[in-house]
Amino acid sequence: QVQPVESGGGSVQAGGSLRLSCTASGSTFSTYMMAWYRQAPGKERELVALITRSGSTNYADSVKGRFTISRDNAKNSVYLQMNSLKPEDTAVYYCRKTLLSGIHYWGQGTQVTVSS
């Protein structure tokens, strides 16, 4: 399967934590740049965090200090640990893989709902 597959979404109260996982097939996973995006109802899709091939990370200002992106190349997986969740974090979260060629593949998304 070319598209990445997300898991780990769900419902949580404000202040809680969730860990999202994304598995991307391919024998060259270590060469992919991986990222998490999210889209809330009525809003545009926005970048949450990304991790490069070398392991460098970048975060949206709104999640800095609360979210952590990581990758495990041996498992072809990338993770998003989300702590201190807020109602405004409610969205569908998407995993995206970017090949060396620049081509992107999106996952189907996983819903995260944070209640106050």
N, C-alpha and C. Protein backbone atom coordinates (compact mmCIF):
# COMPACT_ATOMS: atom_id res chain seq x y z
N GLN A 1 0.85 -1.19 0.00
CA GLN A 1 0.00 0.00 0.00
C GLN A 1 0.89 1.24 0.00
N VAL A 2 0.61 2.14 -0.94
CA VAL A 2 1.44 3.32 -1.08
C VAL A 2 1.14 4.34 0.01
N GLN A 3 -0.15 4.50 0.31
CA GLN A 3 -0.53 5.50 1.29
C GLN A 3 -0.16 5.06 2.70
N PRO A 4 0.30 6.01 3.52
CA PRO A 4 0.53 5.69 4.92
C PRO A 4 -0.79 5.40 5.63
N VAL A 5 -0.69 4.68 6.74
CA VAL A 5 -1.87 4.30 7.51
C VAL A 5 -1.72 4.81 8.94
N GLU A 6 -2.68 5.64 9.37
CA GLU A 6 -2.64 6.20 10.71
C GLU A 6 -3.47 5.35 11.68
N SER A 7 -3.13 5.45 12.96
CA SER A 7 -3.91 4.82 14.02
C SER A 7 -3.66 5.58 15.31
N GLY A 8 -4.53 5.34 16.29
CA GLY A 8 -4.30 5.91 17.62
C GLY A 8 -5.17 7.09 17.97
N GLY A 9 -6.03 7.52 17.07
CA GLY A 9 -6.91 8.62 17.39
C GLY A 9 -7.97 8.20 18.40
N GLY A 10 -8.74 9.17 18.88
CA GLY A 10 -9.79 8.87 19.83
C GLY A 10 -10.27 10.11 20.53
N SER A 11 -10.99 9.90 21.62
CA SER A 11 -11.53 11.00 22.40
C SER A 11 -10.84 11.06 23.75
N VAL A 12 -10.56 12.27 24.20
CA VAL A 12 -9.86 12.45 25.46
C VAL A 12 -10.28 13.78 26.07
N GLN A 13 -10.18 13.88 27.37
CA GLN A 13 -10.50 15.14 28.02
C GLN A 13 -9.31 16.09 27.95
N ALA A 14 -9.59 17.36 28.06
CA ALA A 14 -8.53 18.37 28.05
C ALA A 14 -7.50 18.05 29.13
N GLY A 15 -6.23 18.21 28.75
CA GLY A 15 -5.15 17.87 29.66
C GLY A 15 -4.63 16.46 29.49
N GLY A 16 -5.36 15.65 28.73
CA GLY A 16 -4.95 14.27 28.53
C GLY A 16 -3.93 14.11 27.42
N SER A 17 -3.63 12.85 27.13
CA SER A 17 -2.60 12.52 26.13
C SER A 17 -3.11 11.47 25.16
N LEU A 18 -2.57 11.52 23.96
CA LEU A 18 -2.79 10.50 22.94
C LEU A 18 -1.50 10.31 22.17
N ARG A 19 -1.33 9.12 21.62
CA ARG A 19 -0.18 8.84 20.77
C ARG A 19 -0.68 8.33 19.44
N LEU A 20 -0.38 9.06 18.40
CA LEU A 20 -0.74 8.63 17.05
C LEU A 20 0.43 7.89 16.42
N SER A 21 0.08 6.89 15.62
CA SER A 21 1.08 6.11 14.90
C SER A 21 0.77 6.16 13.41
N CYS A 22 1.80 6.06 12.62
CA CYS A 22 1.64 6.03 11.17
C CYS A 22 2.66 5.06 10.61
N THR A 23 2.16 4.12 9.82
CA THR A 23 3.04 3.14 9.19
C THR A 23 3.05 3.38 7.68
N ALA A 24 4.23 3.45 7.12
CA ALA A 24 4.37 3.68 5.69
C ALA A 24 5.17 2.54 5.09
N SER A 25 4.60 1.89 4.12
CA SER A 25 5.28 0.75 3.49
C SER A 25 6.42 1.23 2.60
N GLY A 26 7.32 0.31 2.33
CA GLY A 26 8.43 0.64 1.45
C GLY A 26 9.75 0.30 2.09
N SER A 27 10.66 -0.20 1.27
CA SER A 27 11.96 -0.61 1.80
C SER A 27 12.90 0.57 2.01
N THR A 28 12.44 1.76 1.60
CA THR A 28 13.28 2.94 1.72
C THR A 28 12.67 3.95 2.67
N PHE A 29 12.00 3.48 3.70
CA PHE A 29 11.32 4.37 4.64
C PHE A 29 12.28 5.40 5.22
N SER A 30 13.51 5.00 5.46
CA SER A 30 14.46 5.91 6.08
C SER A 30 14.75 7.14 5.22
N THR A 31 14.42 7.07 3.94
CA THR A 31 14.66 8.20 3.05
C THR A 31 13.46 9.15 2.96
N TYR A 32 12.34 8.75 3.56
CA TYR A 32 11.15 9.60 3.50
C TYR A 32 11.22 10.71 4.53
N MET A 33 10.72 11.88 4.16
CA MET A 33 10.41 12.87 5.16
C MET A 33 8.97 12.61 5.59
N MET A 34 8.72 12.61 6.86
CA MET A 34 7.39 12.30 7.39
C MET A 34 6.83 13.50 8.14
N ALA A 35 5.53 13.66 8.06
CA ALA A 35 4.91 14.81 8.70
C ALA A 35 3.50 14.46 9.17
N TRP A 36 3.06 15.19 10.17
CA TRP A 36 1.68 15.13 10.63
C TRP A 36 1.02 16.47 10.33
N TYR A 37 -0.18 16.40 9.76
CA TYR A 37 -1.02 17.57 9.52
C TYR A 37 -2.34 17.36 10.24
N ARG A 38 -3.10 18.41 10.37
CA ARG A 38 -4.45 18.27 10.94
C ARG A 38 -5.39 19.26 10.25
N GLN A 39 -6.65 18.88 10.28
CA GLN A 39 -7.68 19.73 9.69
C GLN A 39 -8.90 19.72 10.59
N ALA A 40 -9.22 20.87 11.12
CA ALA A 40 -10.41 21.04 11.94
C ALA A 40 -11.58 21.44 11.05
N PRO A 41 -12.81 21.21 11.50
CA PRO A 41 -13.98 21.56 10.68
C PRO A 41 -13.96 23.03 10.30
N GLY A 42 -14.15 23.29 9.02
CA GLY A 42 -14.21 24.66 8.54
C GLY A 42 -12.88 25.36 8.41
N LYS A 43 -11.79 24.62 8.65
CA LYS A 43 -10.46 25.23 8.58
C LYS A 43 -9.60 24.50 7.55
N GLU A 44 -8.53 25.17 7.15
CA GLU A 44 -7.61 24.56 6.21
C GLU A 44 -6.71 23.55 6.93
N ARG A 45 -6.20 22.63 6.16
CA ARG A 45 -5.25 21.66 6.72
C ARG A 45 -3.96 22.40 7.06
N GLU A 46 -3.41 22.09 8.23
CA GLU A 46 -2.21 22.77 8.68
C GLU A 46 -1.15 21.78 9.15
N LEU A 47 0.10 22.18 8.98
CA LEU A 47 1.21 21.35 9.43
C LEU A 47 1.28 21.37 10.96
N VAL A 48 1.41 20.19 11.54
CA VAL A 48 1.57 20.07 12.99
C VAL A 48 3.04 19.85 13.33
N ALA A 49 3.66 18.87 12.68
CA ALA A 49 5.06 18.55 12.97
C ALA A 49 5.63 17.76 11.80
N LEU A 50 6.93 17.89 11.61
CA LEU A 50 7.59 17.07 10.60
C LEU A 50 8.92 16.59 11.14
N ILE A 51 9.39 15.49 10.54
CA ILE A 51 10.69 14.94 10.89
C ILE A 51 11.40 14.57 9.60
N THR A 52 12.62 15.03 9.47
CA THR A 52 13.36 14.80 8.24
C THR A 52 14.03 13.44 8.25
N ARG A 53 14.70 13.14 7.14
CA ARG A 53 15.40 11.86 7.02
C ARG A 53 16.49 11.74 8.08
N SER A 54 17.07 12.86 8.44
CA SER A 54 18.16 12.85 9.42
C SER A 54 17.66 12.94 10.85
N GLY A 55 16.35 13.11 11.02
CA GLY A 55 15.79 13.17 12.37
C GLY A 55 15.55 14.56 12.90
N SER A 56 15.82 15.58 12.11
CA SER A 56 15.51 16.94 12.54
C SER A 56 14.00 17.13 12.57
N THR A 57 13.54 17.93 13.51
CA THR A 57 12.10 18.11 13.69
C THR A 57 11.72 19.59 13.61
N ASN A 58 10.45 19.80 13.29
CA ASN A 58 9.90 21.15 13.25
C ASN A 58 8.45 21.07 13.70
N TYR A 59 8.00 22.09 14.45
CA TYR A 59 6.65 22.06 15.01
C TYR A 59 5.91 23.36 14.75
N ALA A 60 4.59 23.26 14.65
CA ALA A 60 3.77 24.45 14.64
C ALA A 60 3.87 25.11 16.01
N ASP A 61 3.82 26.43 16.03
CA ASP A 61 3.94 27.15 17.30
C ASP A 61 2.88 26.71 18.30
N SER A 62 1.70 26.37 17.81
CA SER A 62 0.58 26.02 18.69
C SER A 62 0.79 24.71 19.45
N VAL A 63 1.74 23.88 19.00
CA VAL A 63 1.93 22.59 19.66
C VAL A 63 3.32 22.45 20.28
N LYS A 64 4.17 23.43 20.10
CA LYS A 64 5.52 23.34 20.66
C LYS A 64 5.47 23.14 22.17
N GLY A 65 6.28 22.21 22.64
CA GLY A 65 6.32 21.93 24.07
C GLY A 65 5.27 20.94 24.53
N ARG A 66 4.30 20.62 23.66
CA ARG A 66 3.24 19.67 24.03
C ARG A 66 3.29 18.40 23.18
N PHE A 67 3.65 18.54 21.92
CA PHE A 67 3.68 17.41 20.99
C PHE A 67 5.12 17.04 20.67
N THR A 68 5.33 15.75 20.42
CA THR A 68 6.65 15.27 20.01
C THR A 68 6.50 14.29 18.86
N ILE A 69 7.22 14.56 17.78
CA ILE A 69 7.23 13.65 16.65
C ILE A 69 8.51 12.81 16.71
N SER A 70 8.38 11.54 16.36
CA SER A 70 9.54 10.66 16.35
C SER A 70 9.35 9.62 15.26
N ARG A 71 10.42 8.94 14.92
CA ARG A 71 10.33 7.90 13.90
C ARG A 71 11.15 6.69 14.31
N ASP A 72 10.70 5.53 13.82
CA ASP A 72 11.42 4.28 14.01
C ASP A 72 11.56 3.65 12.64
N ASN A 73 12.71 3.83 12.04
CA ASN A 73 12.89 3.34 10.67
C ASN A 73 12.82 1.81 10.58
N ALA A 74 13.19 1.13 11.65
CA ALA A 74 13.13 -0.34 11.63
C ALA A 74 11.69 -0.84 11.56
N LYS A 75 10.76 0.00 12.01
CA LYS A 75 9.33 -0.38 11.99
C LYS A 75 8.56 0.39 10.93
N ASN A 76 9.27 1.15 10.08
CA ASN A 76 8.60 1.95 9.05
C ASN A 76 7.50 2.82 9.64
N SER A 77 7.78 3.40 10.77
CA SER A 77 6.73 4.11 11.51
C SER A 77 7.17 5.49 11.99
N VAL A 78 6.19 6.37 12.09
CA VAL A 78 6.38 7.68 12.70
C VAL A 78 5.28 7.86 13.73
N TYR A 79 5.60 8.59 14.79
CA TYR A 79 4.67 8.74 15.90
C TYR A 79 4.47 10.21 16.23
N LEU A 80 3.33 10.51 16.83
CA LEU A 80 3.07 11.84 17.34
C LEU A 80 2.54 11.68 18.76
N GLN A 81 3.38 12.00 19.74
CA GLN A 81 2.96 11.98 21.13
C GLN A 81 2.36 13.34 21.45
N MET A 82 1.11 13.34 21.88
CA MET A 82 0.39 14.58 22.15
C MET A 82 0.03 14.64 23.62
N ASN A 83 0.59 15.60 24.31
CA ASN A 83 0.33 15.79 25.74
C ASN A 83 -0.37 17.13 25.97
N SER A 84 -0.95 17.26 27.15
CA SER A 84 -1.62 18.52 27.52
C SER A 84 -2.58 18.96 26.42
N LEU A 85 -3.39 18.03 25.97
CA LEU A 85 -4.29 18.32 24.85
C LEU A 85 -5.33 19.36 25.22
N LYS A 86 -5.69 20.16 24.22
CA LYS A 86 -6.67 21.24 24.38
C LYS A 86 -7.83 21.01 23.42
N PRO A 87 -8.99 21.57 23.73
CA PRO A 87 -10.12 21.41 22.79
C PRO A 87 -9.79 21.89 21.38
N GLU A 88 -8.94 22.88 21.26
CA GLU A 88 -8.58 23.39 19.93
C GLU A 88 -7.66 22.44 19.16
N ASP A 89 -7.22 21.37 19.79
CA ASP A 89 -6.47 20.34 19.08
C ASP A 89 -7.39 19.36 18.35
N THR A 90 -8.69 19.49 18.59
CA THR A 90 -9.65 18.61 17.93
C THR A 90 -9.57 18.79 16.42
N ALA A 91 -9.37 17.68 15.72
CA ALA A 91 -9.21 17.71 14.27
C ALA A 91 -9.04 16.29 13.75
N VAL A 92 -9.06 16.17 12.45
CA VAL A 92 -8.62 14.93 11.81
C VAL A 92 -7.12 15.09 11.55
N TYR A 93 -6.36 14.13 12.02
CA TYR A 93 -4.91 14.17 11.88
C TYR A 93 -4.48 13.26 10.74
N TYR A 94 -3.64 13.81 9.86
CA TYR A 94 -3.18 13.09 8.68
C TYR A 94 -1.67 12.90 8.72
N CYS A 95 -1.25 11.74 8.28
CA CYS A 95 0.16 11.46 8.11
C CYS A 95 0.51 11.64 6.63
N ARG A 96 1.66 12.23 6.38
CA ARG A 96 2.10 12.41 5.00
C ARG A 96 3.54 11.96 4.86
N LYS A 97 3.80 11.18 3.83
CA LYS A 97 5.18 10.80 3.52
C LYS A 97 5.62 11.51 2.24
N THR A 98 6.85 11.94 2.23
CA THR A 98 7.40 12.62 1.07
C THR A 98 8.63 11.86 0.59
N LEU A 99 8.59 11.45 -0.65
CA LEU A 99 9.71 10.71 -1.23
C LEU A 99 10.85 11.66 -1.60
N LEU A 100 11.99 11.10 -1.91
CA LEU A 100 13.12 11.89 -2.37
C LEU A 100 12.78 12.69 -3.62
N SER A 101 11.86 12.15 -4.43
CA SER A 101 11.43 12.83 -5.66
C SER A 101 10.57 14.04 -5.39
N GLY A 102 10.07 14.15 -4.14
CA GLY A 102 9.17 15.24 -3.80
C GLY A 102 7.70 14.87 -3.84
N ILE A 103 7.41 13.65 -4.27
CA ILE A 103 6.03 13.20 -4.33
C ILE A 103 5.52 12.94 -2.91
N HIS A 104 4.28 13.39 -2.66
CA HIS A 104 3.65 13.20 -1.36
C HIS A 104 2.59 12.10 -1.43
N TYR A 105 2.44 11.38 -0.34
CA TYR A 105 1.33 10.45 -0.18
C TYR A 105 0.69 10.72 1.18
N TRP A 106 -0.64 10.81 1.16
CA TRP A 106 -1.39 11.11 2.37
C TRP A 106 -2.11 9.88 2.88
N GLY A 107 -2.20 9.80 4.21
CA GLY A 107 -3.04 8.78 4.81
C GLY A 107 -4.49 9.22 4.81
N GLN A 108 -5.35 8.34 5.30
CA GLN A 108 -6.79 8.62 5.32
C GLN A 108 -7.20 9.49 6.49
N GLY A 109 -6.35 9.60 7.49
CA GLY A 109 -6.65 10.45 8.63
C GLY A 109 -7.22 9.68 9.80
N THR A 110 -7.03 10.23 10.98
CA THR A 110 -7.59 9.67 12.20
C THR A 110 -8.13 10.81 13.05
N GLN A 111 -9.32 10.61 13.62
CA GLN A 111 -10.00 11.68 14.36
C GLN A 111 -9.46 11.78 15.78
N VAL A 112 -9.18 13.00 16.19
CA VAL A 112 -8.82 13.30 17.57
C VAL A 112 -9.84 14.31 18.09
N THR A 113 -10.49 13.96 19.19
CA THR A 113 -11.49 14.84 19.80
C THR A 113 -11.10 15.11 21.24
N VAL A 114 -10.97 16.39 21.58
CA VAL A 114 -10.61 16.78 22.95
C VAL A 114 -11.77 17.56 23.54
N SER A 115 -12.31 17.06 24.63
CA SER A 115 -13.44 17.71 25.28
C SER A 115 -12.99 18.52 26.49
N SER A 116 -13.71 19.59 26.73
CA SER A 116 -13.34 20.47 27.85
C SER A 116 -14.00 20.04 29.14
